[in-house]
Structures are given as structure tokens and as C-alpha cells.
């Protein structure tokens, strides 16, 4: 192989690698997802034990109120800080897909609960959502090369059946809050700090 060809290949490789360099920009959004949906879970727990009025509208107010606030924060963050690297765009796409999947799943479970008049199906929400978080973290780990994110992903996969064992128990909401803080807020905060560095 000629020297010029080798130089050209090295140059093309350097360009490709540079296109993937840079921090993941999902940290801010995931940190706030953990905080806000953790608060919603605590609110749901308080509703389930009777501290808050045990009315469907209260549950909807908690979840859709904090969910709407999260949506606004995510929208504003996305407008302010667009992903520019290939890895950043892939990460953004993955977490957008996870968010859409979460929304579709929650809506589906609510409809099933309404149609069957069975509230126990709502217990599927937190375990399945933690699995979806785990999938997002796994893809982020593979795309970014940040091996520690695989452990976050594994933590999600381990937490899901534990949450499943707590089905129909108010304490499931507290366990879900702990999962969100440990498996969304904390890694999100770490990624956000790395982004600013």
C-alpha cells in the first residue's frame, strides 16, 4: 500500500473518530426524569396509603402534572442543546424512543385497567419502565464506550423483577422512587457534570 493511501485512510479514520467524540448530552434530561417521576411515585404512595385523597383525578394530577413539567424541561433542553456528534444523536434517538415507548405503554395499561376494571395491572408500570431505562442505558454504554453505564443498565434489569414482586403494594412506589434516583438521577447527574467539564 502506498504511503499516500495509508495517510488518506488514517485521515478518514481520524475524521470518523472525531465525529463520535464528545460527551453524552442526555444527563440533564435523565436527571430530571428521575427527580420528577420519583416525586410522582412518592405522591402515588401517599395516595395509596390514604394520606392524599384516593381519587383517580388526584393520581392523574400527580403523574400528568409532573410528566408535563418533565416534557417541558426536556423540550426546552433539546432546543437549547442539540446533539452534534454521531454518538450524541444516537443517544438522543434512543432516549426519545424510550420516552415514546414509556408513554405508549402507560396509556395502554391505563386503558386495560379501565376496560377490565382491574387496577392490579397498573403494577406492571414501574417494572416495565425500569426495563426500558435499562435498554436505553445499555445502548448509551455501547455507543459511548462508557462501561460504567452497563452497570447502570444491569441495575435496571435486576430491579425490575424486585419491583414485580412488590406488585399491588404501596411500597412498590417507594422502591420505584429509589430506583429512579439511583438509576436515572445519579447517572444523569454524572453525565451532566461530564458534559460541562
N, C-alpha and C. Protein backbone atom coordinates (compact mmCIF):
# COMPACT_ATOMS: atom_id res chain seq x y z
N UNK A 1 0.85 -1.17 0.00
CA UNK A 1 0.00 0.00 0.00
C UNK A 1 0.90 1.23 0.00
N UNK A 2 0.54 2.20 -0.80
CA UNK A 2 1.36 3.41 -0.91
C UNK A 2 1.22 4.25 0.35
N UNK A 3 2.20 5.10 0.57
CA UNK A 3 2.21 5.98 1.73
C UNK A 3 1.03 6.95 1.68
N UNK A 4 0.73 7.47 0.48
CA UNK A 4 -0.39 8.40 0.35
C UNK A 4 -1.73 7.74 0.70
N UNK A 5 -1.90 6.50 0.27
CA UNK A 5 -3.13 5.78 0.56
C UNK A 5 -3.26 5.52 2.07
N UNK A 6 -2.16 5.14 2.70
CA UNK A 6 -2.19 4.92 4.15
C UNK A 6 -2.50 6.22 4.89
N UNK A 7 -1.92 7.31 4.42
CA UNK A 7 -2.20 8.62 5.03
C UNK A 7 -3.67 8.99 4.86
N UNK A 8 -4.20 8.72 3.66
CA UNK A 8 -5.62 9.02 3.41
C UNK A 8 -6.53 8.20 4.32
N UNK A 9 -6.21 6.92 4.48
CA UNK A 9 -7.01 6.05 5.35
C UNK A 9 -6.93 6.52 6.80
N UNK A 10 -5.74 6.87 7.24
CA UNK A 10 -5.56 7.37 8.61
C UNK A 10 -6.35 8.66 8.82
N UNK A 11 -6.34 9.52 7.81
CA UNK A 11 -7.08 10.78 7.90
C UNK A 11 -8.58 10.52 7.99
N UNK A 12 -9.09 9.62 7.15
CA UNK A 12 -10.52 9.28 7.16
C UNK A 12 -10.92 8.66 8.50
N UNK A 13 -10.05 7.80 9.04
CA UNK A 13 -10.33 7.18 10.33
C UNK A 13 -10.39 8.24 11.43
N UNK A 14 -9.46 9.18 11.41
CA UNK A 14 -9.44 10.26 12.41
C UNK A 14 -10.70 11.11 12.31
N UNK A 15 -11.17 11.38 11.09
CA UNK A 15 -12.41 12.14 10.92
C UNK A 15 -13.61 11.39 11.50
N UNK A 16 -13.67 10.09 11.23
CA UNK A 16 -14.78 9.28 11.74
C UNK A 16 -14.77 9.25 13.26
N UNK A 17 -13.59 9.07 13.85
CA UNK A 17 -13.50 9.03 15.31
C UNK A 17 -13.83 10.38 15.92
N UNK A 18 -13.43 11.46 15.27
CA UNK A 18 -13.74 12.80 15.78
C UNK A 18 -15.24 13.06 15.76
N UNK A 19 -15.94 12.48 14.79
CA UNK A 19 -17.39 12.65 14.71
C UNK A 19 -18.13 11.99 15.86
N UNK A 20 -17.49 11.03 16.51
CA UNK A 20 -18.11 10.35 17.64
C UNK A 20 -17.66 10.90 18.98
N UNK A 21 -16.68 11.77 18.98
CA UNK A 21 -16.13 12.27 20.24
C UNK A 21 -17.10 13.27 20.87
N UNK A 22 -17.03 13.36 22.15
CA UNK A 22 -17.86 14.32 22.86
C UNK A 22 -18.73 13.64 23.89
N UNK A 23 -19.16 14.38 24.87
CA UNK A 23 -19.96 13.80 25.96
C UNK A 23 -21.40 13.51 25.52
N UNK A 24 -22.02 12.56 26.22
CA UNK A 24 -23.45 12.33 26.02
C UNK A 24 -24.20 13.52 26.59
N UNK A 25 -25.25 13.93 25.92
CA UNK A 25 -25.99 15.11 26.35
C UNK A 25 -27.34 14.75 26.98
N UNK A 26 -27.50 13.49 27.35
CA UNK A 26 -28.76 13.04 27.93
C UNK A 26 -28.82 13.19 29.44
N UNK A 27 -27.71 13.55 30.07
CA UNK A 27 -27.64 13.59 31.52
C UNK A 27 -28.66 14.50 32.18
N UNK A 28 -28.78 15.72 31.69
CA UNK A 28 -29.71 16.70 32.27
C UNK A 28 -31.14 16.17 32.26
N UNK A 29 -31.55 15.66 31.12
CA UNK A 29 -32.92 15.18 30.96
C UNK A 29 -33.18 13.97 31.86
N UNK A 30 -32.23 13.04 31.91
CA UNK A 30 -32.42 11.85 32.73
C UNK A 30 -32.38 12.17 34.22
N UNK A 31 -31.56 13.14 34.60
CA UNK A 31 -31.53 13.56 35.99
C UNK A 31 -32.91 14.07 36.41
N UNK A 32 -33.49 14.94 35.57
CA UNK A 32 -34.80 15.50 35.89
C UNK A 32 -35.91 14.46 35.79
N UNK A 33 -35.76 13.51 34.88
CA UNK A 33 -36.76 12.42 34.81
C UNK A 33 -36.79 11.66 36.13
N UNK A 34 -35.61 11.34 36.65
CA UNK A 34 -35.55 10.62 37.92
C UNK A 34 -36.14 11.42 39.06
N UNK A 35 -35.82 12.71 39.11
CA UNK A 35 -36.33 13.56 40.20
C UNK A 35 -37.85 13.70 40.12
N UNK A 36 -38.35 14.11 38.95
CA UNK A 36 -39.78 14.41 38.83
C UNK A 36 -40.65 13.16 38.93
N UNK A 37 -40.24 12.08 38.27
CA UNK A 37 -41.06 10.87 38.36
C UNK A 37 -40.86 10.17 39.70
N UNK A 38 -39.73 10.41 40.35
CA UNK A 38 -39.56 9.96 41.73
C UNK A 38 -40.54 10.67 42.65
N UNK A 39 -40.68 11.98 42.46
CA UNK A 39 -41.67 12.74 43.25
C UNK A 39 -43.09 12.24 42.97
N UNK A 40 -43.37 11.96 41.72
CA UNK A 40 -44.70 11.44 41.37
C UNK A 40 -44.94 10.09 42.05
N UNK A 41 -43.92 9.27 42.13
CA UNK A 41 -44.05 7.97 42.79
C UNK A 41 -44.33 8.12 44.28
N UNK A 42 -43.65 9.09 44.91
CA UNK A 42 -43.92 9.36 46.33
C UNK A 42 -45.37 9.85 46.48
N UNK A 43 -45.81 10.71 45.57
CA UNK A 43 -47.20 11.17 45.60
C UNK A 43 -48.18 10.02 45.46
N UNK A 44 -47.88 9.09 44.57
CA UNK A 44 -48.74 7.92 44.38
C UNK A 44 -48.76 7.05 45.64
N UNK A 45 -47.61 6.90 46.26
CA UNK A 45 -47.54 6.15 47.52
C UNK A 45 -48.44 6.80 48.58
N UNK A 46 -48.34 8.12 48.69
CA UNK A 46 -49.16 8.84 49.68
C UNK A 46 -50.65 8.69 49.37
N UNK A 47 -50.98 8.64 48.10
CA UNK A 47 -52.37 8.40 47.70
C UNK A 47 -52.79 6.99 48.10
N UNK A 48 -51.92 6.01 47.84
CA UNK A 48 -52.27 4.61 48.10
C UNK A 48 -52.46 4.32 49.59
N UNK A 49 -51.72 5.03 50.45
CA UNK A 49 -51.87 4.77 51.89
C UNK A 49 -52.91 5.68 52.54
N UNK A 50 -53.53 6.55 51.75
CA UNK A 50 -54.63 7.36 52.25
C UNK A 50 -54.26 8.73 52.78
N UNK A 51 -53.01 9.14 52.64
CA UNK A 51 -52.63 10.49 53.06
C UNK A 51 -53.23 11.52 52.11
N UNK A 52 -53.21 11.22 50.82
CA UNK A 52 -53.87 12.06 49.82
C UNK A 52 -55.22 11.42 49.48
N UNK A 53 -56.17 12.21 48.99
CA UNK A 53 -57.47 11.64 48.63
C UNK A 53 -57.31 10.52 47.59
N UNK A 54 -57.95 9.39 47.85
CA UNK A 54 -57.84 8.24 46.96
C UNK A 54 -58.84 8.37 45.82
N UNK A 55 -58.55 9.32 44.97
CA UNK A 55 -59.38 9.62 43.81
C UNK A 55 -58.52 9.49 42.55
N UNK A 56 -59.13 9.00 41.49
CA UNK A 56 -58.41 8.84 40.23
C UNK A 56 -57.85 10.17 39.75
N UNK A 57 -58.61 11.24 39.89
CA UNK A 57 -58.15 12.54 39.40
C UNK A 57 -56.90 13.01 40.12
N UNK A 58 -56.73 12.62 41.40
CA UNK A 58 -55.52 13.01 42.14
C UNK A 58 -54.31 12.31 41.53
N UNK A 59 -54.46 11.03 41.23
CA UNK A 59 -53.38 10.28 40.60
C UNK A 59 -53.02 10.87 39.24
N UNK A 60 -54.05 11.18 38.45
CA UNK A 60 -53.80 11.80 37.15
C UNK A 60 -53.11 13.14 37.30
N UNK A 61 -53.53 13.93 38.26
CA UNK A 61 -52.91 15.23 38.51
C UNK A 61 -51.44 15.09 38.86
N UNK A 62 -51.13 14.14 39.73
CA UNK A 62 -49.74 13.90 40.13
C UNK A 62 -48.89 13.53 38.91
N UNK A 63 -49.31 12.47 38.22
CA UNK A 63 -48.48 11.93 37.13
C UNK A 63 -48.45 12.84 35.91
N UNK A 64 -49.61 13.34 35.50
CA UNK A 64 -49.62 14.17 34.30
C UNK A 64 -49.09 15.57 34.58
N UNK A 65 -49.26 16.05 35.80
CA UNK A 65 -48.68 17.35 36.16
C UNK A 65 -47.16 17.31 36.14
N UNK A 66 -46.58 16.33 36.84
CA UNK A 66 -45.12 16.22 36.86
C UNK A 66 -44.59 15.73 35.51
N UNK A 67 -45.37 14.87 34.84
CA UNK A 67 -44.97 14.44 33.50
C UNK A 67 -44.96 15.59 32.51
N UNK A 68 -45.94 16.47 32.61
CA UNK A 68 -45.98 17.66 31.76
C UNK A 68 -44.81 18.59 32.03
N UNK A 69 -44.47 18.75 33.31
CA UNK A 69 -43.30 19.56 33.67
C UNK A 69 -42.03 18.95 33.10
N UNK A 70 -41.91 17.63 33.19
CA UNK A 70 -40.75 16.96 32.60
C UNK A 70 -40.71 17.18 31.09
N UNK A 71 -41.85 17.02 30.43
CA UNK A 71 -41.90 17.23 28.99
C UNK A 71 -41.45 18.62 28.60
N UNK A 72 -41.87 19.62 29.36
CA UNK A 72 -41.46 21.00 29.10
C UNK A 72 -39.95 21.16 29.28
N UNK A 73 -39.41 20.63 30.37
CA UNK A 73 -37.96 20.72 30.61
C UNK A 73 -37.18 20.02 29.50
N UNK A 74 -37.64 18.84 29.09
CA UNK A 74 -36.95 18.09 28.03
C UNK A 74 -37.01 18.86 26.71
N UNK A 75 -38.17 19.43 26.40
CA UNK A 75 -38.32 20.20 25.16
C UNK A 75 -37.39 21.40 25.15
N UNK A 76 -37.37 22.15 26.25
CA UNK A 76 -36.51 23.34 26.33
C UNK A 76 -35.04 22.95 26.25
N UNK A 77 -34.67 21.86 26.90
CA UNK A 77 -33.27 21.41 26.87
C UNK A 77 -32.89 20.99 25.45
N UNK A 78 -33.78 20.31 24.77
CA UNK A 78 -33.50 19.86 23.41
C UNK A 78 -33.32 21.05 22.47
N UNK A 79 -34.10 22.09 22.67
CA UNK A 79 -33.95 23.29 21.83
C UNK A 79 -32.66 24.02 22.13
N UNK A 80 -32.25 24.01 23.40
CA UNK A 80 -31.06 24.74 23.82
C UNK A 80 -29.78 24.00 23.45
N UNK A 81 -29.81 22.69 23.49
CA UNK A 81 -28.57 21.92 23.38
C UNK A 81 -28.79 20.70 22.49
N UNK A 82 -28.59 20.88 21.21
CA UNK A 82 -28.77 19.77 20.27
C UNK A 82 -27.51 18.92 20.22
N UNK A 83 -27.71 17.61 20.07
CA UNK A 83 -26.58 16.69 19.93
C UNK A 83 -25.92 16.94 18.57
N UNK A 84 -24.59 17.02 18.58
CA UNK A 84 -23.88 17.29 17.34
C UNK A 84 -23.03 16.11 16.88
N UNK A 85 -22.68 15.20 17.78
CA UNK A 85 -21.87 14.05 17.40
C UNK A 85 -22.78 12.89 17.00
N UNK A 86 -22.21 11.93 16.29
CA UNK A 86 -22.97 10.75 15.92
C UNK A 86 -23.46 10.02 17.16
N UNK A 87 -22.58 9.88 18.14
CA UNK A 87 -22.96 9.23 19.39
C UNK A 87 -24.06 10.01 20.10
N UNK A 88 -23.93 11.32 20.13
CA UNK A 88 -24.93 12.16 20.78
C UNK A 88 -26.29 12.04 20.11
N UNK A 89 -26.29 12.02 18.77
CA UNK A 89 -27.56 11.89 18.05
C UNK A 89 -28.18 10.51 18.28
N UNK A 90 -27.33 9.48 18.31
CA UNK A 90 -27.84 8.12 18.57
C UNK A 90 -28.43 8.04 19.98
N UNK A 91 -27.73 8.61 20.95
CA UNK A 91 -28.21 8.62 22.33
C UNK A 91 -29.54 9.36 22.43
N UNK A 92 -29.63 10.50 21.78
CA UNK A 92 -30.86 11.27 21.79
C UNK A 92 -32.01 10.47 21.17
N UNK A 93 -31.72 9.77 20.08
CA UNK A 93 -32.74 8.95 19.43
C UNK A 93 -33.20 7.81 20.32
N UNK A 94 -32.25 7.17 21.00
CA UNK A 94 -32.60 6.06 21.89
C UNK A 94 -33.51 6.53 23.01
N UNK A 95 -33.13 7.64 23.66
CA UNK A 95 -33.93 8.11 24.80
C UNK A 95 -35.27 8.69 24.35
N UNK A 96 -35.34 9.22 23.14
CA UNK A 96 -36.63 9.64 22.60
C UNK A 96 -37.52 8.42 22.39
N UNK A 97 -36.94 7.35 21.83
CA UNK A 97 -37.71 6.12 21.63
C UNK A 97 -38.16 5.53 22.96
N UNK A 98 -37.27 5.53 23.96
CA UNK A 98 -37.64 5.04 25.28
C UNK A 98 -38.80 5.86 25.84
N UNK A 99 -38.72 7.17 25.72
CA UNK A 99 -39.78 8.04 26.23
C UNK A 99 -41.11 7.78 25.53
N UNK A 100 -41.07 7.65 24.21
CA UNK A 100 -42.30 7.36 23.47
C UNK A 100 -42.86 5.99 23.85
N UNK A 101 -41.96 5.02 24.02
CA UNK A 101 -42.38 3.69 24.46
C UNK A 101 -43.02 3.72 25.83
N UNK A 102 -42.43 4.49 26.74
CA UNK A 102 -43.00 4.64 28.08
C UNK A 102 -44.40 5.24 28.00
N UNK A 103 -44.54 6.30 27.23
CA UNK A 103 -45.85 6.94 27.09
C UNK A 103 -46.89 6.00 26.52
N UNK A 104 -46.53 5.27 25.46
CA UNK A 104 -47.47 4.34 24.84
C UNK A 104 -47.83 3.21 25.80
N UNK A 105 -46.84 2.70 26.52
CA UNK A 105 -47.10 1.61 27.46
C UNK A 105 -48.03 2.07 28.59
N UNK A 106 -47.74 3.22 29.17
CA UNK A 106 -48.58 3.72 30.27
C UNK A 106 -50.02 3.93 29.80
N UNK A 107 -50.18 4.54 28.63
CA UNK A 107 -51.52 4.77 28.09
C UNK A 107 -52.25 3.44 27.88
N UNK A 108 -51.53 2.45 27.35
CA UNK A 108 -52.12 1.13 27.12
C UNK A 108 -52.56 0.48 28.42
N UNK A 109 -51.70 0.53 29.44
CA UNK A 109 -52.04 -0.09 30.72
C UNK A 109 -53.24 0.61 31.36
N UNK A 110 -53.29 1.93 31.25
CA UNK A 110 -54.44 2.67 31.79
C UNK A 110 -55.72 2.22 31.08
N UNK A 111 -55.66 2.06 29.76
CA UNK A 111 -56.84 1.61 29.02
C UNK A 111 -57.24 0.19 29.41
N UNK A 112 -56.26 -0.70 29.58
CA UNK A 112 -56.56 -2.07 30.01
C UNK A 112 -57.20 -2.05 31.39
N UNK A 113 -56.66 -1.25 32.29
CA UNK A 113 -57.22 -1.14 33.64
C UNK A 113 -58.66 -0.63 33.59
N UNK A 114 -58.89 0.37 32.78
CA UNK A 114 -60.24 0.94 32.64
C UNK A 114 -61.20 -0.09 32.04
N UNK A 115 -60.77 -0.75 30.98
CA UNK A 115 -61.63 -1.70 30.27
C UNK A 115 -61.97 -2.91 31.13
N UNK A 116 -61.00 -3.40 31.90
CA UNK A 116 -61.22 -4.61 32.70
C UNK A 116 -61.67 -4.31 34.12
N UNK A 117 -61.60 -3.05 34.51
CA UNK A 117 -61.92 -2.63 35.88
C UNK A 117 -60.99 -3.31 36.90
N UNK A 118 -59.76 -3.60 36.45
CA UNK A 118 -58.77 -4.24 37.31
C UNK A 118 -57.59 -3.28 37.51
N UNK A 119 -57.38 -2.86 38.73
CA UNK A 119 -56.28 -1.91 38.98
C UNK A 119 -54.93 -2.60 39.16
N UNK A 120 -54.93 -3.92 39.39
CA UNK A 120 -53.65 -4.60 39.60
C UNK A 120 -52.72 -4.49 38.39
N UNK A 121 -53.30 -4.31 37.19
CA UNK A 121 -52.45 -4.22 36.00
C UNK A 121 -51.54 -2.98 36.06
N UNK A 122 -51.92 -1.99 36.85
CA UNK A 122 -51.08 -0.80 36.99
C UNK A 122 -49.74 -1.14 37.64
N UNK A 123 -49.68 -2.27 38.35
CA UNK A 123 -48.43 -2.70 38.98
C UNK A 123 -47.37 -3.09 37.97
N UNK A 124 -47.76 -3.28 36.71
CA UNK A 124 -46.78 -3.59 35.67
C UNK A 124 -45.96 -2.37 35.26
N UNK A 125 -46.48 -1.19 35.53
CA UNK A 125 -45.86 0.03 35.00
C UNK A 125 -44.42 0.20 35.47
N UNK A 126 -44.18 0.22 36.76
CA UNK A 126 -42.82 0.52 37.22
C UNK A 126 -41.80 -0.54 36.81
N UNK A 127 -42.08 -1.85 36.89
CA UNK A 127 -41.06 -2.81 36.43
C UNK A 127 -40.74 -2.68 34.94
N UNK A 128 -41.77 -2.49 34.13
CA UNK A 128 -41.52 -2.38 32.68
C UNK A 128 -40.76 -1.09 32.36
N UNK A 129 -41.10 0.00 33.04
CA UNK A 129 -40.39 1.25 32.78
C UNK A 129 -38.91 1.15 33.15
N UNK A 130 -38.61 0.46 34.25
CA UNK A 130 -37.21 0.28 34.63
C UNK A 130 -36.48 -0.57 33.59
N UNK A 131 -37.15 -1.56 33.01
CA UNK A 131 -36.54 -2.35 31.93
C UNK A 131 -36.23 -1.44 30.73
N UNK A 132 -37.17 -0.56 30.39
CA UNK A 132 -36.94 0.37 29.26
C UNK A 132 -35.75 1.30 29.55
N UNK A 133 -35.64 1.77 30.78
CA UNK A 133 -34.47 2.57 31.16
C UNK A 133 -33.19 1.74 30.97
N UNK A 134 -33.24 0.49 31.40
CA UNK A 134 -32.07 -0.38 31.25
C UNK A 134 -31.65 -0.54 29.80
N UNK A 135 -32.63 -0.66 28.92
CA UNK A 135 -32.31 -0.77 27.49
C UNK A 135 -31.66 0.51 26.98
N UNK A 136 -32.19 1.65 27.39
CA UNK A 136 -31.59 2.93 26.99
C UNK A 136 -30.16 3.07 27.47
N UNK A 137 -29.93 2.71 28.75
CA UNK A 137 -28.57 2.81 29.30
C UNK A 137 -27.62 1.85 28.58
N UNK A 138 -28.10 0.67 28.22
CA UNK A 138 -27.23 -0.30 27.54
C UNK A 138 -26.77 0.25 26.19
N UNK A 139 -27.70 0.81 25.45
CA UNK A 139 -27.33 1.39 24.15
C UNK A 139 -26.38 2.57 24.35
N UNK A 140 -26.65 3.43 25.32
CA UNK A 140 -25.73 4.54 25.62
C UNK A 140 -24.34 4.03 25.95
N UNK A 141 -24.26 2.96 26.74
CA UNK A 141 -22.96 2.40 27.11
C UNK A 141 -22.22 1.91 25.88
N UNK A 142 -22.92 1.21 25.00
CA UNK A 142 -22.28 0.67 23.79
C UNK A 142 -21.86 1.79 22.83
N UNK A 143 -22.71 2.78 22.68
CA UNK A 143 -22.41 3.87 21.74
C UNK A 143 -21.30 4.78 22.24
N UNK A 144 -21.27 5.02 23.55
CA UNK A 144 -20.33 5.99 24.10
C UNK A 144 -19.02 5.38 24.56
N UNK A 145 -19.01 4.07 24.78
CA UNK A 145 -17.81 3.44 25.33
C UNK A 145 -17.68 3.64 26.84
N UNK A 146 -18.71 4.19 27.48
CA UNK A 146 -18.69 4.38 28.94
C UNK A 146 -19.16 3.09 29.60
N UNK A 147 -18.20 2.25 29.98
CA UNK A 147 -18.52 0.91 30.50
C UNK A 147 -19.36 0.96 31.77
N UNK A 148 -19.20 1.99 32.59
CA UNK A 148 -19.97 2.05 33.84
C UNK A 148 -21.47 2.14 33.59
N UNK A 149 -21.86 2.63 32.42
CA UNK A 149 -23.29 2.69 32.11
C UNK A 149 -23.90 1.30 31.95
N UNK A 150 -23.06 0.31 31.60
CA UNK A 150 -23.58 -1.06 31.53
C UNK A 150 -24.03 -1.53 32.91
N UNK A 151 -23.31 -1.11 33.95
CA UNK A 151 -23.69 -1.48 35.31
C UNK A 151 -25.00 -0.81 35.71
N UNK A 152 -25.21 0.40 35.23
CA UNK A 152 -26.49 1.07 35.48
C UNK A 152 -27.60 0.27 34.80
N UNK A 153 -27.33 -0.15 33.57
CA UNK A 153 -28.30 -0.95 32.83
C UNK A 153 -28.61 -2.26 33.55
N UNK A 154 -27.57 -2.95 33.99
CA UNK A 154 -27.76 -4.21 34.72
C UNK A 154 -28.56 -3.96 36.00
N UNK A 155 -28.27 -2.85 36.67
CA UNK A 155 -29.05 -2.49 37.86
C UNK A 155 -30.53 -2.37 37.55
N UNK A 156 -30.84 -1.79 36.40
CA UNK A 156 -32.25 -1.69 35.99
C UNK A 156 -32.86 -3.07 35.77
N UNK A 157 -32.11 -3.96 35.12
CA UNK A 157 -32.64 -5.29 34.83
C UNK A 157 -32.82 -6.12 36.10
N UNK A 158 -31.98 -5.89 37.09
CA UNK A 158 -32.12 -6.58 38.38
C UNK A 158 -33.28 -5.99 39.17
N UNK A 159 -33.45 -4.68 39.10
CA UNK A 159 -34.50 -4.01 39.87
C UNK A 159 -35.90 -4.37 39.38
N UNK A 160 -36.05 -4.63 38.09
CA UNK A 160 -37.39 -4.87 37.53
C UNK A 160 -38.12 -6.04 38.20
N UNK A 161 -37.52 -7.23 38.32
CA UNK A 161 -38.27 -8.30 38.98
C UNK A 161 -38.52 -8.04 40.47
N UNK A 162 -37.62 -7.30 41.11
CA UNK A 162 -37.86 -6.93 42.51
C UNK A 162 -39.11 -6.07 42.60
N UNK A 163 -39.23 -5.10 41.69
CA UNK A 163 -40.44 -4.28 41.65
C UNK A 163 -41.67 -5.13 41.34
N UNK A 164 -41.48 -6.13 40.48
CA UNK A 164 -42.59 -7.03 40.16
C UNK A 164 -43.08 -7.81 41.37
N UNK A 165 -42.15 -8.20 42.24
CA UNK A 165 -42.53 -8.92 43.46
C UNK A 165 -43.32 -8.04 44.42
N UNK A 166 -43.24 -6.74 44.23
CA UNK A 166 -43.94 -5.80 45.10
C UNK A 166 -45.27 -5.35 44.50
N UNK A 167 -45.75 -6.06 43.49
CA UNK A 167 -46.98 -5.68 42.79
C UNK A 167 -48.13 -5.48 43.77
N UNK A 168 -48.90 -4.44 43.52
CA UNK A 168 -50.10 -4.09 44.29
C UNK A 168 -49.80 -3.67 45.73
N UNK A 169 -48.53 -3.47 46.06
CA UNK A 169 -48.15 -2.99 47.39
C UNK A 169 -47.80 -1.50 47.27
N UNK A 170 -48.26 -0.66 48.18
CA UNK A 170 -47.88 0.75 48.12
C UNK A 170 -46.37 0.96 48.13
N UNK A 171 -45.66 0.07 48.82
CA UNK A 171 -44.20 0.19 48.92
C UNK A 171 -43.51 0.06 47.57
N UNK A 172 -44.20 -0.51 46.58
CA UNK A 172 -43.62 -0.59 45.24
C UNK A 172 -43.27 0.81 44.75
N UNK A 173 -44.10 1.79 45.09
CA UNK A 173 -43.85 3.16 44.65
C UNK A 173 -42.60 3.74 45.30
N UNK A 174 -42.35 3.40 46.56
CA UNK A 174 -41.13 3.87 47.23
C UNK A 174 -39.90 3.20 46.63
N UNK A 175 -40.02 1.90 46.34
CA UNK A 175 -38.90 1.19 45.71
C UNK A 175 -38.63 1.76 44.32
N UNK A 176 -39.69 2.08 43.60
CA UNK A 176 -39.54 2.68 42.28
C UNK A 176 -38.86 4.04 42.38
N UNK A 177 -39.22 4.82 43.40
CA UNK A 177 -38.55 6.11 43.63
C UNK A 177 -37.06 5.90 43.84
N UNK A 178 -36.70 4.92 44.67
CA UNK A 178 -35.28 4.63 44.91
C UNK A 178 -34.59 4.24 43.61
N UNK A 179 -35.25 3.42 42.80
CA UNK A 179 -34.68 3.01 41.51
C UNK A 179 -34.45 4.22 40.61
N UNK A 180 -35.43 5.10 40.54
CA UNK A 180 -35.30 6.28 39.69
C UNK A 180 -34.15 7.18 40.15
N UNK A 181 -34.03 7.36 41.45
CA UNK A 181 -32.95 8.21 41.95
C UNK A 181 -31.59 7.58 41.70
N UNK A 182 -31.49 6.27 41.92
CA UNK A 182 -30.22 5.57 41.75
C UNK A 182 -29.88 5.30 40.29
N UNK A 183 -30.89 4.99 39.48
CA UNK A 183 -30.65 4.51 38.12
C UNK A 183 -31.01 5.52 37.02
N UNK A 184 -31.46 6.70 37.40
CA UNK A 184 -31.70 7.77 36.42
C UNK A 184 -31.09 9.08 36.89
N UNK A 185 -31.45 9.53 38.10
CA UNK A 185 -30.96 10.82 38.58
C UNK A 185 -29.45 10.82 38.77
N UNK A 186 -28.92 9.83 39.48
CA UNK A 186 -27.48 9.81 39.77
C UNK A 186 -26.64 9.68 38.49
N UNK A 187 -26.90 8.69 37.62
CA UNK A 187 -26.11 8.64 36.39
C UNK A 187 -26.33 9.87 35.50
N UNK A 188 -27.56 10.39 35.49
CA UNK A 188 -27.82 11.61 34.73
C UNK A 188 -26.99 12.77 35.23
N UNK A 189 -26.90 12.90 36.54
CA UNK A 189 -26.08 13.96 37.14
C UNK A 189 -24.61 13.80 36.77
N UNK A 190 -24.11 12.57 36.83
CA UNK A 190 -22.71 12.30 36.48
C UNK A 190 -22.45 12.67 35.02
N UNK A 191 -23.36 12.29 34.13
CA UNK A 191 -23.20 12.64 32.71
C UNK A 191 -23.29 14.15 32.50
N UNK A 192 -24.18 14.80 33.24
CA UNK A 192 -24.32 16.25 33.11
C UNK A 192 -23.04 16.95 33.54
N UNK A 193 -22.43 16.49 34.62
CA UNK A 193 -21.17 17.09 35.08
C UNK A 193 -20.06 16.85 34.06
N UNK A 194 -20.02 15.67 33.45
CA UNK A 194 -19.01 15.37 32.43
C UNK A 194 -19.20 16.24 31.20
N UNK A 195 -20.45 16.55 30.89
CA UNK A 195 -20.75 17.40 29.74
C UNK A 195 -20.20 18.81 29.95
N UNK A 196 -20.27 19.29 31.18
CA UNK A 196 -19.81 20.65 31.48
C UNK A 196 -18.29 20.73 31.61
N UNK A 197 -17.64 19.59 31.82
CA UNK A 197 -16.18 19.59 32.03
C UNK A 197 -15.43 19.85 30.74
